[in-house]
PDB file of N, CA and C in Angstrom:
ATOM      1  N   MET A   1     -21.591   5.332  -5.241  1.00  0.00           N
ATOM      2  CA  MET A   1     -20.669   4.222  -5.151  1.00  0.00           C
ATOM      3  C   MET A   1     -19.994   3.960  -6.501  1.00  0.00           C
ATOM      4  N   ILE A   2     -20.761   3.990  -7.577  1.00  0.00           N
ATOM      5  CA  ILE A   2     -20.193   3.763  -8.901  1.00  0.00           C
ATOM      6  C   ILE A   2     -19.169   4.849  -9.231  1.00  0.00           C
ATOM      7  N   GLY A   3     -19.487   6.083  -8.852  1.00  0.00           N
ATOM      8  CA  GLY A   3     -18.561   7.183  -9.103  1.00  0.00           C
ATOM      9  C   GLY A   3     -17.253   7.013  -8.337  1.00  0.00           C
ATOM     10  N   ALA A   4     -17.342   6.533  -7.094  1.00  0.00           N
ATOM     11  CA  ALA A   4     -16.136   6.347  -6.287  1.00  0.00           C
ATOM     12  C   ALA A   4     -15.284   5.205  -6.831  1.00  0.00           C
ATOM     13  N   ILE A   5     -15.920   4.115  -7.237  1.00  0.00           N
ATOM     14  CA  ILE A   5     -15.166   2.998  -7.823  1.00  0.00           C
ATOM     15  C   ILE A   5     -14.529   3.436  -9.137  1.00  0.00           C
ATOM     16  N   THR A   6     -15.265   4.217  -9.914  1.00  0.00           N
ATOM     17  CA  THR A   6     -14.718   4.740 -11.167  1.00  0.00           C
ATOM     18  C   THR A   6     -13.506   5.618 -10.889  1.00  0.00           C
ATOM     19  N   LEU A   7     -13.596   6.454  -9.868  1.00  0.00           N
ATOM     20  CA  LEU A   7     -12.467   7.313  -9.497  1.00  0.00           C
ATOM     21  C   LEU A   7     -11.249   6.481  -9.123  1.00  0.00           C
ATOM     22  N   LEU A   8     -11.443   5.449  -8.315  1.00  0.00           N
ATOM     23  CA  LEU A   8     -10.332   4.576  -7.924  1.00  0.00           C
ATOM     24  C   LEU A   8      -9.718   3.890  -9.139  1.00  0.00           C
ATOM     25  N   LEU A   9     -10.558   3.409 -10.048  1.00  0.00           N
ATOM     26  CA  LEU A   9     -10.051   2.726 -11.237  1.00  0.00           C
ATOM     27  C   LEU A   9      -9.359   3.693 -12.197  1.00  0.00           C
ATOM     28  N   VAL A  10      -9.845   4.924 -12.278  1.00  0.00           N
ATOM     29  CA  VAL A  10      -9.189   5.918 -13.128  1.00  0.00           C
ATOM     30  C   VAL A  10      -7.799   6.229 -12.600  1.00  0.00           C
ATOM     31  N   PHE A  11      -7.663   6.398 -11.296  1.00  0.00           N
ATOM     32  CA  PHE A  11      -6.339   6.653 -10.732  1.00  0.00           C
ATOM     33  C   PHE A  11      -5.425   5.449 -10.936  1.00  0.00           C
ATOM     34  N   GLN A  12      -5.962   4.242 -10.826  1.00  0.00           N
ATOM     35  CA  GLN A  12      -5.155   3.054 -11.087  1.00  0.00           C
ATOM     36  C   GLN A  12      -4.719   3.018 -12.548  1.00  0.00           C
ATOM     37  N   LEU A  13      -5.619   3.353 -13.461  1.00  0.00           N
ATOM     38  CA  LEU A  13      -5.290   3.381 -14.885  1.00  0.00           C
ATOM     39  C   LEU A  13      -4.228   4.426 -15.182  1.00  0.00           C
ATOM     40  N   VAL A  14      -4.375   5.610 -14.618  1.00  0.00           N
ATOM     41  CA  VAL A  14      -3.381   6.666 -14.833  1.00  0.00           C
ATOM     42  C   VAL A  14      -2.023   6.212 -14.310  1.00  0.00           C
ATOM     43  N   GLY A  15      -2.003   5.592 -13.148  1.00  0.00           N
ATOM     44  CA  GLY A  15      -0.747   5.081 -12.605  1.00  0.00           C
ATOM     45  C   GLY A  15      -0.131   4.013 -13.493  1.00  0.00           C
ATOM     46  N   GLU A  16      -0.962   3.139 -14.039  1.00  0.00           N
ATOM     47  CA  GLU A  16      -0.476   2.089 -14.940  1.00  0.00           C
ATOM     48  C   GLU A  16       0.090   2.687 -16.219  1.00  0.00           C
ATOM     49  N   VAL A  17      -0.582   3.683 -16.761  1.00  0.00           N
ATOM     50  CA  VAL A  17      -0.096   4.344 -17.975  1.00  0.00           C
ATOM     51  C   VAL A  17       1.247   5.023 -17.708  1.00  0.00           C
ATOM     52  N   ILE A  18       1.368   5.699 -16.570  1.00  0.00           N
ATOM     53  CA  ILE A  18       2.633   6.357 -16.216  1.00  0.00           C
ATOM     54  C   ILE A  18       3.747   5.325 -16.054  1.00  0.00           C
ATOM     55  N   ALA A  19       3.458   4.225 -15.360  1.00  0.00           N
ATOM     56  CA  ALA A  19       4.478   3.194 -15.137  1.00  0.00           C
ATOM     57  C   ALA A  19       4.922   2.554 -16.452  1.00  0.00           C
ATOM     58  N   GLN A  20       3.972   2.285 -17.359  1.00  0.00           N
ATOM     59  CA  GLN A  20       4.320   1.668 -18.636  1.00  0.00           C
ATOM     60  C   GLN A  20       5.023   2.647 -19.573  1.00  0.00           C
ATOM     61  N   THR A  21       4.564   3.889 -19.591  1.00  0.00           N
ATOM     62  CA  THR A  21       5.141   4.886 -20.489  1.00  0.00           C
ATOM     63  C   THR A  21       6.575   5.233 -20.096  1.00  0.00           C
ATOM     64  N   LEU A  22       6.784   5.434 -18.803  1.00  0.00           N
ATOM     65  CA  LEU A  22       8.115   5.827 -18.326  1.00  0.00           C
ATOM     66  C   LEU A  22       8.991   4.630 -17.961  1.00  0.00           C
ATOM     67  N   LYS A  23       8.448   3.429 -18.137  1.00  0.00           N
ATOM     68  CA  LYS A  23       9.182   2.181 -17.828  1.00  0.00           C
ATOM     69  C   LYS A  23       9.731   2.200 -16.405  1.00  0.00           C
ATOM     70  N   LEU A  24       8.872   2.566 -15.464  1.00  0.00           N
ATOM     71  CA  LEU A  24       9.260   2.649 -14.058  1.00  0.00           C
ATOM     72  C   LEU A  24       9.196   1.276 -13.405  1.00  0.00           C
ATOM     73  N   PRO A  25      10.049   1.023 -12.424  1.00  0.00           N
ATOM     74  CA  PRO A  25      10.010  -0.264 -11.729  1.00  0.00           C
ATOM     75  C   PRO A  25       8.945  -0.315 -10.629  1.00  0.00           C
ATOM     76  N   ILE A  26       8.102   0.701 -10.568  1.00  0.00           N
ATOM     77  CA  ILE A  26       7.051   0.783  -9.552  1.00  0.00           C
ATOM     78  C   ILE A  26       5.738   0.340 -10.195  1.00  0.00           C
ATOM     79  N   PRO A  27       4.966  -0.505  -9.516  1.00  0.00           N
ATOM     80  CA  PRO A  27       3.684  -0.931 -10.100  1.00  0.00           C
ATOM     81  C   PRO A  27       2.738   0.251 -10.311  1.00  0.00           C
ATOM     82  N   GLY A  28       1.971   0.188 -11.390  1.00  0.00           N
ATOM     83  CA  GLY A  28       1.030   1.242 -11.724  1.00  0.00           C
ATOM     84  C   GLY A  28       0.021   1.546 -10.632  1.00  0.00           C
ATOM     85  N   PRO A  29      -0.567   0.518  -9.995  1.00  0.00           N
ATOM     86  CA  PRO A  29      -1.516   0.819  -8.927  1.00  0.00           C
ATOM     87  C   PRO A  29      -0.900   1.595  -7.757  1.00  0.00           C
ATOM     88  N   VAL A  30       0.372   1.367  -7.487  1.00  0.00           N
ATOM     89  CA  VAL A  30       1.037   2.114  -6.410  1.00  0.00           C
ATOM     90  C   VAL A  30       1.163   3.586  -6.807  1.00  0.00           C
ATOM     91  N   ILE A  31       1.536   3.831  -8.053  1.00  0.00           N
ATOM     92  CA  ILE A  31       1.611   5.215  -8.542  1.00  0.00           C
ATOM     93  C   ILE A  31       0.229   5.857  -8.510  1.00  0.00           C
ATOM     94  N   GLY A  32      -0.782   5.105  -8.935  1.00  0.00           N
ATOM     95  CA  GLY A  32      -2.146   5.624  -8.914  1.00  0.00           C
ATOM     96  C   GLY A  32      -2.614   5.980  -7.518  1.00  0.00           C
ATOM     97  N   MET A  33      -2.301   5.137  -6.551  1.00  0.00           N
ATOM     98  CA  MET A  33      -2.705   5.436  -5.175  1.00  0.00           C
ATOM     99  C   MET A  33      -1.949   6.641  -4.622  1.00  0.00           C
ATOM    100  N   ALA A  34      -0.683   6.802  -5.029  1.00  0.00           N
ATOM    101  CA  ALA A  34       0.072   7.991  -4.608  1.00  0.00           C
ATOM    102  C   ALA A  34      -0.553   9.251  -5.207  1.00  0.00           C
ATOM    103  N   LEU A  35      -0.979   9.163  -6.466  1.00  0.00           N
ATOM    104  CA  LEU A  35      -1.642  10.305  -7.092  1.00  0.00           C
ATOM    105  C   LEU A  35      -2.982  10.598  -6.422  1.00  0.00           C
ATOM    106  N   LEU A  36      -3.721   9.553  -6.077  1.00  0.00           N
ATOM    107  CA  LEU A  36      -4.985   9.742  -5.364  1.00  0.00           C
ATOM    108  C   LEU A  36      -4.743  10.394  -4.007  1.00  0.00           C
ATOM    109  N   PHE A  37      -3.711   9.940  -3.311  1.00  0.00           N
ATOM    110  CA  PHE A  37      -3.363  10.534  -2.020  1.00  0.00           C
ATOM    111  C   PHE A  37      -3.032  12.015  -2.182  1.00  0.00           C
ATOM    112  N   ALA A  38      -2.244  12.336  -3.213  1.00  0.00           N
ATOM    113  CA  ALA A  38      -1.899  13.744  -3.455  1.00  0.00           C
ATOM    114  C   ALA A  38      -3.155  14.565  -3.750  1.00  0.00           C
ATOM    115  N   ALA A  39      -4.052  14.006  -4.537  1.00  0.00           N
ATOM    116  CA  ALA A  39      -5.298  14.720  -4.849  1.00  0.00           C
ATOM    117  C   ALA A  39      -6.132  14.940  -3.595  1.00  0.00           C
ATOM    118  N   LEU A  40      -6.166  13.956  -2.717  1.00  0.00           N
ATOM    119  CA  LEU A  40      -6.939  14.101  -1.482  1.00  0.00           C
ATOM    120  C   LEU A  40      -6.289  15.093  -0.525  1.00  0.00           C
ATOM    121  N   VAL A  41      -4.955  15.139  -0.513  1.00  0.00           N
ATOM    122  CA  VAL A  41      -4.261  16.126   0.325  1.00  0.00           C
ATOM    123  C   VAL A  41      -4.563  17.532  -0.178  1.00  0.00           C
ATOM    124  N   ILE A  42      -4.542  17.710  -1.493  1.00  0.00           N
ATOM    125  CA  ILE A  42      -4.832  19.027  -2.068  1.00  0.00           C
ATOM    126  C   ILE A  42      -6.284  19.416  -1.791  1.00  0.00           C
ATOM    127  N   ARG A  43      -7.184  18.462  -1.950  1.00  0.00           N
ATOM    128  CA  ARG A  43      -8.612  18.736  -1.723  1.00  0.00           C
ATOM    129  C   ARG A  43      -8.918  18.918  -0.237  1.00  0.00           C
ATOM    130  N   GLY A  44      -8.186  18.241   0.604  1.00  0.00           N
ATOM    131  CA  GLY A  44      -8.390  18.374   2.042  1.00  0.00           C
ATOM    132  C   GLY A  44      -9.060  17.175   2.684  1.00  0.00           C
ATOM    133  N   HIS A  45      -9.916  16.477   1.957  1.00  0.00           N
ATOM    134  CA  HIS A  45     -10.623  15.326   2.517  1.00  0.00           C
ATOM    135  C   HIS A  45     -11.294  14.552   1.395  1.00  0.00           C
ATOM    136  N   PRO A  46     -11.548  13.256   1.628  1.00  0.00           N
ATOM    137  CA  PRO A  46     -12.286  12.489   0.611  1.00  0.00           C
ATOM    138  C   PRO A  46     -13.780  12.789   0.702  1.00  0.00           C
ATOM    139  N   SER A  47     -14.475  12.551  -0.392  1.00  0.00           N
ATOM    140  CA  SER A  47     -15.925  12.717  -0.373  1.00  0.00           C
ATOM    141  C   SER A  47     -16.542  11.600   0.470  1.00  0.00           C
ATOM    142  N   THR A  48     -17.749  11.807   0.907  1.00  0.00           N
ATOM    143  CA  THR A  48     -18.438  10.789   1.702  1.00  0.00           C
ATOM    144  C   THR A  48     -18.615   9.511   0.907  1.00  0.00           C
ATOM    145  N   ASP A  49     -18.916   9.643  -0.381  1.00  0.00           N
ATOM    146  CA  ASP A  49     -19.095   8.474  -1.243  1.00  0.00           C
ATOM    147  C   ASP A  49     -17.799   7.681  -1.359  1.00  0.00           C
ATOM    148  N   LEU A  50     -16.684   8.381  -1.556  1.00  0.00           N
ATOM    149  CA  LEU A  50     -15.386   7.697  -1.653  1.00  0.00           C
ATOM    150  C   LEU A  50     -15.025   7.044  -0.334  1.00  0.00           C
ATOM    151  N   ARG A  51     -15.270   7.725   0.772  1.00  0.00           N
ATOM    152  CA  ARG A  51     -14.962   7.163   2.085  1.00  0.00           C
ATOM    153  C   ARG A  51     -15.782   5.895   2.346  1.00  0.00           C
ATOM    154  N   ASP A  52     -17.075   5.945   2.056  1.00  0.00           N
ATOM    155  CA  ASP A  52     -17.937   4.782   2.285  1.00  0.00           C
ATOM    156  C   ASP A  52     -17.549   3.609   1.382  1.00  0.00           C
ATOM    157  N   THR A  53     -17.222   3.902   0.132  1.00  0.00           N
ATOM    158  CA  THR A  53     -16.812   2.843  -0.797  1.00  0.00           C
ATOM    159  C   THR A  53     -15.502   2.212  -0.344  1.00  0.00           C
ATOM    160  N   ALA A  54     -14.551   3.029   0.064  1.00  0.00           N
ATOM    161  CA  ALA A  54     -13.263   2.507   0.536  1.00  0.00           C
ATOM    162  C   ALA A  54     -13.453   1.652   1.787  1.00  0.00           C
ATOM    163  N   GLN A  55     -14.318   2.097   2.706  1.00  0.00           N
ATOM    164  CA  GLN A  55     -14.597   1.300   3.908  1.00  0.00           C
ATOM    165  C   GLN A  55     -15.204  -0.053   3.540  1.00  0.00           C
ATOM    166  N   GLY A  56     -16.127  -0.045   2.583  1.00  0.00           N
ATOM    167  CA  GLY A  56     -16.735  -1.297   2.133  1.00  0.00           C
ATOM    168  C   GLY A  56     -15.721  -2.238   1.523  1.00  0.00           C
ATOM    169  N   MET A  57     -14.784  -1.681   0.741  1.00  0.00           N
ATOM    170  CA  MET A  57     -13.746  -2.515   0.140  1.00  0.00           C
ATOM    171  C   MET A  57     -12.803  -3.063   1.204  1.00  0.00           C
ATOM    172  N   LEU A  58     -12.478  -2.253   2.195  1.00  0.00           N
ATOM    173  CA  LEU A  58     -11.584  -2.715   3.263  1.00  0.00           C
ATOM    174  C   LEU A  58     -12.209  -3.824   4.097  1.00  0.00           C
ATOM    175  N   GLN A  59     -13.522  -3.798   4.244  1.00  0.00           N
ATOM    176  CA  GLN A  59     -14.195  -4.847   5.006  1.00  0.00           C
ATOM    177  C   GLN A  59     -14.084  -6.202   4.314  1.00  0.00           C
ATOM    178  N   HIS A  60     -13.910  -6.199   2.996  1.00  0.00           N
ATOM    179  CA  HIS A  60     -13.810  -7.442   2.239  1.00  0.00           C
ATOM    180  C   HIS A  60     -12.419  -7.629   1.644  1.00  0.00           C
ATOM    181  N   LEU A  61     -11.428  -7.036   2.286  1.00  0.00           N
ATOM    182  CA  LEU A  61     -10.063  -7.085   1.777  1.00  0.00           C
ATOM    183  C   LEU A  61      -9.513  -8.506   1.703  1.00  0.00           C
ATOM    184  N   SER A  62      -9.931  -9.361   2.624  1.00  0.00           N
ATOM    185  CA  SER A  62      -9.421 -10.737   2.616  1.00  0.00           C
ATOM    186  C   SER A  62      -9.758 -11.464   1.323  1.00  0.00           C
ATOM    187  N   LEU A  63     -10.866 -11.115   0.692  1.00  0.00           N
ATOM    188  CA  LEU A  63     -11.235 -11.744  -0.580  1.00  0.00           C
ATOM    189  C   LEU A  63     -10.253 -11.400  -1.688  1.00  0.00           C
ATOM    190  N   LEU A  64      -9.614 -10.232  -1.577  1.00  0.00           N
ATOM    191  CA  LEU A  64      -8.663  -9.825  -2.603  1.00  0.00           C
ATOM    192  C   LEU A  64      -7.358 -10.620  -2.530  1.00  0.00           C
ATOM    193  N   PHE A  65      -7.125 -11.332  -1.422  1.00  0.00           N
ATOM    194  CA  PHE A  65      -5.907 -12.121  -1.288  1.00  0.00           C
ATOM    195  C   PHE A  65      -6.066 -13.538  -1.821  1.00  0.00           C
ATOM    196  N   ILE A  66      -7.254 -13.930  -2.195  1.00  0.00           N
ATOM    197  CA  ILE A  66      -7.472 -15.282  -2.723  1.00  0.00           C
ATOM    198  C   ILE A  66      -6.666 -15.513  -3.999  1.00  0.00           C
ATOM    199  N   PRO A  67      -6.655 -14.586  -4.971  1.00  0.00           N
ATOM    200  CA  PRO A  67      -5.818 -14.829  -6.156  1.00  0.00           C
ATOM    201  C   PRO A  67      -4.333 -14.961  -5.829  1.00  0.00           C
ATOM    202  N   ALA A  68      -3.852 -14.186  -4.864  1.00  0.00           N
ATOM    203  CA  ALA A  68      -2.448 -14.292  -4.479  1.00  0.00           C
ATOM    204  C   ALA A  68      -2.171 -15.653  -3.853  1.00  0.00           C
ATOM    205  N   GLY A  69      -3.080 -16.121  -3.022  1.00  0.00           N
ATOM    206  CA  GLY A  69      -2.911 -17.454  -2.421  1.00  0.00           C
ATOM    207  C   GLY A  69      -2.938 -18.552  -3.465  1.00  0.00           C
ATOM    208  N   THR A  70      -3.768 -18.390  -4.472  1.00  0.00           N
ATOM    209  CA  THR A  70      -3.812 -19.361  -5.565  1.00  0.00           C
ATOM    210  C   THR A  70      -2.494 -19.353  -6.332  1.00  0.00           C
ATOM    211  N   GLY A  71      -1.947 -18.175  -6.559  1.00  0.00           N
ATOM    212  CA  GLY A  71      -0.656 -18.074  -7.238  1.00  0.00           C
ATOM    213  C   GLY A  71       0.457 -18.739  -6.457  1.00  0.00           C
ATOM    214  N   VAL A  72       0.414 -18.610  -5.137  1.00  0.00           N
ATOM    215  CA  VAL A  72       1.413 -19.273  -4.297  1.00  0.00           C
ATOM    216  C   VAL A  72       1.309 -20.781  -4.452  1.00  0.00           C
ATOM    217  N   MET A  73       0.096 -21.290  -4.479  1.00  0.00           N
ATOM    218  CA  MET A  73      -0.086 -22.740  -4.606  1.00  0.00           C
ATOM    219  C   MET A  73       0.351 -23.241  -5.989  1.00  0.00           C
ATOM    220  N   LEU A  74       0.190 -22.412  -7.020  1.00  0.00           N
ATOM    221  CA  LEU A  74       0.625 -22.816  -8.349  1.00  0.00           C
ATOM    222  C   LEU A  74       2.145 -22.916  -8.454  1.00  0.00           C
ATOM    223  N   HIS A  75       2.855 -22.112  -7.663  1.00  0.00           N
ATOM    224  CA  HIS A  75       4.317 -22.098  -7.687  1.00  0.00           C
ATOM    225  C   HIS A  75       4.903 -22.731  -6.424  1.00  0.00           C
ATOM    226  N   PHE A  76       4.183 -23.683  -5.868  1.00  0.00           N
ATOM    227  CA  PHE A  76       4.627 -24.299  -4.611  1.00  0.00           C
ATOM    228  C   PHE A  76       5.963 -25.022  -4.781  1.00  0.00           C
ATOM    229  N   GLN A  77       6.175 -25.681  -5.907  1.00  0.00           N
ATOM    230  CA  GLN A  77       7.431 -26.408  -6.135  1.00  0.00           C
ATOM    231  C   GLN A  77       8.607 -25.438  -6.151  1.00  0.00           C
ATOM    232  N   ARG A  78       8.448 -24.319  -6.826  1.00  0.00           N
ATOM    233  CA  ARG A  78       9.522 -23.326  -6.864  1.00  0.00           C
ATOM    234  C   ARG A  78       9.800 -22.777  -5.469  1.00  0.00           C
ATOM    235  N   MET A  79       8.735 -22.550  -4.713  1.00  0.00           N
ATOM    236  CA  MET A  79       8.913 -22.044  -3.350  1.00  0.00           C
ATOM    237  C   MET A  79       9.639 -23.062  -2.478  1.00  0.00           C
ATOM    238  N   SER A  80       9.323 -24.336  -2.666  1.00  0.00           N
ATOM    239  CA  SER A  80      10.003 -25.360  -1.865  1.00  0.00           C
ATOM    240  C   SER A  80      11.466 -25.497  -2.284  1.00  0.00           C
ATOM    241  N   ASP A  81      11.782 -25.203  -3.546  1.00  0.00           N
ATOM    242  CA  ASP A  81      13.175 -25.237  -3.996  1.00  0.00           C
ATOM    243  C   ASP A  81      13.974 -24.056  -3.449  1.00  0.00           C
ATOM    244  N   GLU A  82      13.310 -22.940  -3.234  1.00  0.00           N
ATOM    245  CA  GLU A  82      13.994 -21.716  -2.808  1.00  0.00           C
ATOM    246  C   GLU A  82      13.510 -21.243  -1.441  1.00  0.00           C
ATOM    247  N   TRP A  83      13.269 -22.165  -0.532  1.00  0.00           N
ATOM    248  CA  TRP A  83      12.703 -21.822   0.769  1.00  0.00           C
ATOM    249  C   TRP A  83      13.662 -21.002   1.626  1.00  0.00           C
ATOM    250  N   LEU A  84      14.964 -21.274   1.553  1.00  0.00           N
ATOM    251  CA  LEU A  84      15.907 -20.560   2.419  1.00  0.00           C
ATOM    252  C   LEU A  84      15.994 -19.066   2.078  1.00  0.00           C
ATOM    253  N   PRO A  85      16.191 -18.690   0.803  1.00  0.00           N
ATOM    254  CA  PRO A  85      16.196 -17.243   0.519  1.00  0.00           C
ATOM    255  C   PRO A  85      14.873 -16.571   0.869  1.00  0.00           C
ATOM    256  N   LEU A  86      13.766 -17.266   0.654  1.00  0.00           N
ATOM    257  CA  LEU A  86      12.469 -16.700   1.014  1.00  0.00           C
ATOM    258  C   LEU A  86      12.358 -16.480   2.520  1.00  0.00           C
ATOM    259  N   LEU A  87      12.782 -17.465   3.289  1.00  0.00           N
ATOM    260  CA  LEU A  87      12.727 -17.354   4.743  1.00  0.00           C
ATOM    261  C   LEU A  87      13.613 -16.222   5.245  1.00  0.00           C
ATOM    262  N   VAL A  88      14.841 -16.153   4.717  1.00  0.00           N
ATOM    263  CA  VAL A  88      15.763 -15.103   5.142  1.00  0.00           C
ATOM    264  C   VAL A  88      15.205 -13.716   4.799  1.00  0.00           C
ATOM    265  N   SER A  89      14.656 -13.570   3.594  1.00  0.00           N
ATOM    266  CA  SER A  89      14.114 -12.261   3.212  1.00  0.00           C
ATOM    267  C   SER A  89      12.890 -11.892   4.041  1.00  0.00           C
ATOM    268  N   LEU A  90      12.042 -12.866   4.361  1.00  0.00           N
ATOM    269  CA  LEU A  90      10.872 -12.581   5.197  1.00  0.00           C
ATOM    270  C   LEU A  90      11.282 -12.159   6.606  1.00  0.00           C
ATOM    271  N   VAL A  91      12.219 -12.878   7.195  1.00  0.00           N
ATOM    272  CA  VAL A  91      12.662 -12.553   8.560  1.00  0.00           C
ATOM    273  C   VAL A  91      13.378 -11.205   8.572  1.00  0.00           C
ATOM    274  N   ALA A  92      14.267 -10.980   7.594  1.00  0.00           N
ATOM    275  CA  ALA A  92      15.015  -9.722   7.554  1.00  0.00           C
ATOM    276  C   ALA A  92      14.084  -8.532   7.326  1.00  0.00           C
ATOM    277  N   SER A  93      13.155  -8.654   6.382  1.00  0.00           N
ATOM    278  CA  SER A  93      12.254  -7.529   6.117  1.00  0.00           C
ATOM    279  C   SER A  93      11.339  -7.253   7.301  1.00  0.00           C
ATOM    280  N   THR A  94      10.919  -8.310   7.997  1.00  0.00           N
ATOM    281  CA  THR A  94      10.099  -8.109   9.192  1.00  0.00           C
ATOM    282  C   THR A  94      10.888  -7.395  10.278  1.00  0.00           C
ATOM    283  N   ALA A  95      12.125  -7.812  10.493  1.00  0.00           N
ATOM    284  CA  ALA A  95      12.969  -7.177  11.510  1.00  0.00           C
ATOM    285  C   ALA A  95      13.244  -5.715  11.171  1.00  0.00           C
ATOM    286  N   ILE A  96      13.519  -5.435   9.899  1.00  0.00           N
ATOM    287  CA  ILE A  96      13.778  -4.055   9.476  1.00  0.00           C
ATOM    288  C   ILE A  96      12.524  -3.202   9.653  1.00  0.00           C
ATOM    289  N   THR A  97      11.377  -3.750   9.308  1.00  0.00           N
ATOM    290  CA  THR A  97      10.120  -3.010   9.456  1.00  0.00           C
ATOM    291  C   THR A  97       9.847  -2.691  10.922  1.00  0.00           C
ATOM    292  N   ILE A  98      10.052  -3.659  11.793  1.00  0.00           N
ATOM    293  CA  ILE A  98       9.844  -3.426  13.228  1.00  0.00           C
ATOM    294  C   ILE A  98      10.814  -2.370  13.744  1.00  0.00           C
ATOM    295  N   ALA A  99      12.080  -2.442  13.317  1.00  0.00           N
ATOM    296  CA  ALA A  99      13.084  -1.476  13.783  1.00  0.00           C
ATOM    297  C   ALA A  99      12.758  -0.062  13.300  1.00  0.00           C
ATOM    298  N   VAL A 100      12.399   0.078  12.032  1.00  0.00           N
ATOM    299  CA  VAL A 100      12.075   1.407  11.492  1.00  0.00           C
ATOM    300  C   VAL A 100      10.816   1.961  12.157  1.00  0.00           C
ATOM    301  N   THR A 101       9.838   1.109  12.398  1.00  0.00           N
ATOM    302  CA  THR A 101       8.621   1.556  13.064  1.00  0.00           C
ATOM    303  C   THR A 101       8.930   2.017  14.489  1.00  0.00           C
ATOM    304  N   ALA A 102       9.766   1.266  15.198  1.00  0.00           N
ATOM    305  CA  ALA A 102      10.135   1.651  16.561  1.00  0.00           C
ATOM    306  C   ALA A 102      10.900   2.967  16.577  1.00  0.00           C
ATOM    307  N   LEU A 103      11.816   3.144  15.639  1.00  0.00           N
ATOM    308  CA  LEU A 103      12.565   4.402  15.577  1.00  0.00           C
ATOM    309  C   LEU A 103      11.657   5.585  15.251  1.00  0.00           C
ATOM    310  N   ALA A 104      10.730   5.384  14.319  1.00  0.00           N
ATOM    311  CA  ALA A 104       9.789   6.460  13.977  1.00  0.00           C
ATOM    312  C   ALA A 104       8.905   6.796  15.170  1.00  0.00           C
ATOM    313  N   LEU A 105       8.461   5.773  15.878  1.00  0.00           N
ATOM    314  CA  LEU A 105       7.635   6.004  17.064  1.00  0.00           C
ATOM    315  C   LEU A 105       8.402   6.781  18.114  1.00  0.00           C
ATOM    316  N   GLN A 106       9.656   6.415  18.349  1.00  0.00           N
ATOM    317  CA  GLN A 106      10.472   7.145  19.317  1.00  0.00           C
ATOM    318  C   GLN A 106      10.666   8.596  18.877  1.00  0.00           C
ATOM    319  N   LEU A 107      10.929   8.782  17.596  1.00  0.00           N
ATOM    320  CA  LEU A 107      11.152  10.134  17.088  1.00  0.00           C
ATOM    321  C   LEU A 107       9.914  11.000  17.274  1.00  0.00           C
ATOM    322  N   PHE A 108       8.765  10.489  16.863  1.00  0.00           N
ATOM    323  CA  PHE A 108       7.541  11.282  16.955  1.00  0.00           C
ATOM    324  C   PHE A 108       7.025  11.396  18.386  1.00  0.00           C
ATOM    325  N   ALA A 109       7.204  10.383  19.198  1.00  0.00           N
ATOM    326  CA  ALA A 109       6.782  10.464  20.595  1.00  0.00           C
ATOM    327  C   ALA A 109       7.671  11.444  21.355  1.00  0.00           C
ATOM    328  N   GLY A 110       8.951  11.455  21.025  1.00  0.00           N
ATOM    329  CA  GLY A 110       9.869  12.395  21.660  1.00  0.00           C
ATOM    330  C   GLY A 110       9.532  13.829  21.338  1.00  0.00           C
ATOM    331  N   ARG A 111       9.104  14.079  20.112  1.00  0.00           N
ATOM    332  CA  ARG A 111       8.742  15.440  19.708  1.00  0.00           C
ATOM    333  C   ARG A 111       7.506  15.931  20.448  1.00  0.00           C
ATOM    334  N   SER A 112       6.538  15.055  20.644  1.00  0.00           N
ATOM    335  CA  SER A 112       5.306  15.501  21.286  1.00  0.00           C
ATOM    336  C   SER A 112       5.504  15.748  22.777  1.00  0.00           C
ATOM    337  N   HIS A 113       6.437  15.034  23.407  1.00  0.00           N
ATOM    338  CA  HIS A 113       6.662  15.234  24.849  1.00  0.00           C
ATOM    339  C   HIS A 113       7.564  16.424  25.114  1.00  0.00           C
ATOM    340  N   THR A 114       8.480  16.732  24.198  1.00  0.00           N
ATOM    341  CA  THR A 114       9.408  17.827  24.435  1.00  0.00           C
ATOM    342  C   THR A 114       8.900  19.170  23.936  1.00  0.00           C
ATOM    343  N   GLY A 115       7.815  19.133  23.163  1.00  0.00           N
ATOM    344  CA  GLY A 115       7.257  20.358  22.660  1.00  0.00           C
ATOM    345  C   GLY A 115       7.961  20.892  21.427  1.00  0.00           C
ATOM    346  N   LYS A 116       8.812  20.059  20.788  1.00  0.00           N
ATOM    347  CA  LYS A 116       9.542  20.504  19.598  1.00  0.00           C
ATOM    348  C   LYS A 116       8.618  20.702  18.405  1.00  0.00           C
ATOM    349  N   ASP A 117       7.442  20.100  18.423  1.00  0.00           N
ATOM    350  CA  ASP A 117       6.552  20.226  17.274  1.00  0.00           C
ATOM    351  C   ASP A 117       5.719  21.495  17.330  1.00  0.00           C
ATOM    352  N   ARG A 118       5.853  22.259  18.389  1.00  0.00           N
ATOM    353  CA  ARG A 118       5.106  23.518  18.486  1.00  0.00           C
ATOM    354  C   ARG A 118       5.920  24.646  17.891  1.00  0.00           C
ATOM    355  N   PRO A 119       5.264  25.627  17.262  1.00  0.00           N
ATOM    356  CA  PRO A 119       6.006  26.763  16.664  1.00  0.00           C
ATOM    357  C   PRO A 119       6.577  27.683  17.702  1.00  0.00           C
TER     358      PRO A 119
END
């Protein structure tokens, strides 16, 4: 478990270093997770220890949102001042996400029924 957590933190650190060094607008942890994903694709599968640790973290994922909720409460006045742009962006992004998901589902479902995905 310690090794798996260390691996996750190392990839996060590498992503943070890349983001800071190259001045990228992408958060370091996102880059780190992309690098971890690439490493797992190359390797073929995660180790049992990494899989079990990730499952344990996912079971307690709601605890990781407590700091974000606290941050929202600290900036409640600003949010109440800018409620309309926030509402519009939330509704628009939700609608776009649903539309893109539906289109992807249609695309991939169509391929499996027509046999286009077979060589």
